């Protein structure tokens, strides 16, 4: 089991890193479980979803005049894409 974090005196850099590491680990496991239950086309769509949200087009809501580089995934896209 993961070590409990004590927030009574605020949160320090080490505690924040611990919480972040635990959160990312849980999210990776959730994504792995989801992908295991999907078909190949569904997995491909899931892998391309961040790219679809990142497109900056005038007809889409949230257009930004300045091009922003966004990192939605902490891992590189699969080689299949």
Protein backbone atom coordinates (compact mmCIF):
# COMPACT_ATOMS: atom_id res chain seq x y z
CA UNK A 1 0.00 0.00 0.00
CA UNK A 2 1.17 3.54 -0.70
CA UNK A 3 2.58 5.70 2.07
CA UNK A 4 0.05 8.18 3.46
CA UNK A 5 0.80 11.85 2.96
CA UNK A 6 0.37 14.24 5.90
CA UNK A 7 -1.09 17.60 4.85
CA UNK A 8 -1.43 19.10 8.34
CA UNK A 9 1.51 21.50 7.83
CA UNK A 10 0.80 22.19 4.17
CA UNK A 11 2.27 20.33 1.24
CA UNK A 12 5.93 20.36 0.38
CA UNK A 13 7.73 19.55 -2.83
CA UNK A 14 8.39 15.93 -1.81
CA UNK A 15 4.77 15.33 -0.85
CA UNK A 16 3.55 16.92 -4.08
CA UNK A 17 5.86 14.67 -6.10
CA UNK A 18 4.59 11.64 -4.19
CA UNK A 19 0.95 12.56 -4.84
CA UNK A 20 1.68 13.30 -8.51
CA UNK A 21 3.54 10.00 -8.94
CA UNK A 22 0.70 8.07 -7.30
CA UNK A 23 -1.93 9.86 -9.43
CA UNK A 24 -0.07 9.14 -12.68
CA UNK A 25 0.41 5.51 -11.71
CA UNK A 26 -3.30 5.09 -11.07
CA UNK A 27 -4.17 6.82 -14.36
CA UNK A 28 -1.74 4.62 -16.34
CA UNK A 29 -3.33 1.51 -14.81
CA UNK A 30 -6.84 2.77 -15.61
CA UNK A 31 -5.86 3.48 -19.22
CA UNK A 32 -4.23 0.05 -19.52
CA UNK A 33 -7.43 -1.62 -18.29
CA UNK A 34 -9.60 0.41 -20.66
CA UNK A 35 -7.38 -0.38 -23.65
CA UNK A 36 -7.43 -4.09 -22.81
CA UNK A 37 -11.22 -4.14 -23.26
CA UNK A 38 -11.30 -2.16 -26.52
CA UNK A 39 -11.12 -3.42 -30.08
CA UNK A 40 -8.17 -2.37 -32.28
CA UNK A 41 -10.10 0.46 -34.05
CA UNK A 42 -11.30 1.74 -30.69
CA UNK A 43 -7.72 1.66 -29.35
CA UNK A 44 -6.56 3.63 -32.40
CA UNK A 45 -9.28 6.23 -31.81
CA UNK A 46 -8.36 6.50 -28.13
CA UNK A 47 -4.70 7.03 -29.06
CA UNK A 48 -5.63 9.78 -31.55
CA UNK A 49 -8.11 11.55 -29.27
CA UNK A 50 -5.57 14.03 -27.77
CA UNK A 51 -4.60 15.11 -31.29
CA UNK A 52 -8.26 15.75 -32.15
CA UNK A 53 -8.65 17.96 -29.08
CA UNK A 54 -5.44 19.85 -29.92
CA UNK A 55 -6.48 20.98 -33.41
CA UNK A 56 -6.71 24.77 -33.55
CA UNK A 57 -9.24 25.66 -36.29
CA UNK A 58 -11.33 28.84 -36.66
CA UNK A 59 -14.65 26.92 -36.76
CA UNK A 60 -13.91 25.12 -33.49
CA UNK A 61 -14.68 26.69 -30.12
CA UNK A 62 -11.72 27.89 -28.09
CA UNK A 63 -9.62 29.11 -31.02
CA UNK A 64 -6.38 30.68 -29.93
CA UNK A 65 -4.69 33.16 -32.26
CA UNK A 66 -1.29 32.08 -30.96
CA UNK A 67 -0.13 28.55 -31.67
CA UNK A 68 0.39 26.70 -28.41
CA UNK A 69 2.26 23.47 -28.01
CA UNK A 70 0.38 21.27 -25.60
CA UNK A 71 1.59 18.04 -24.10
CA UNK A 72 -1.52 15.97 -23.41
CA UNK A 73 0.24 12.67 -22.95
CA UNK A 74 3.25 11.95 -20.80
CA UNK A 75 4.29 9.16 -23.15
CA UNK A 76 4.98 9.36 -26.88
CA UNK A 77 2.26 8.12 -29.26
CA UNK A 78 2.40 4.46 -30.22
CA UNK A 79 4.37 3.55 -33.35
CA UNK A 80 1.14 2.35 -35.03
CA UNK A 81 -0.13 5.96 -35.37
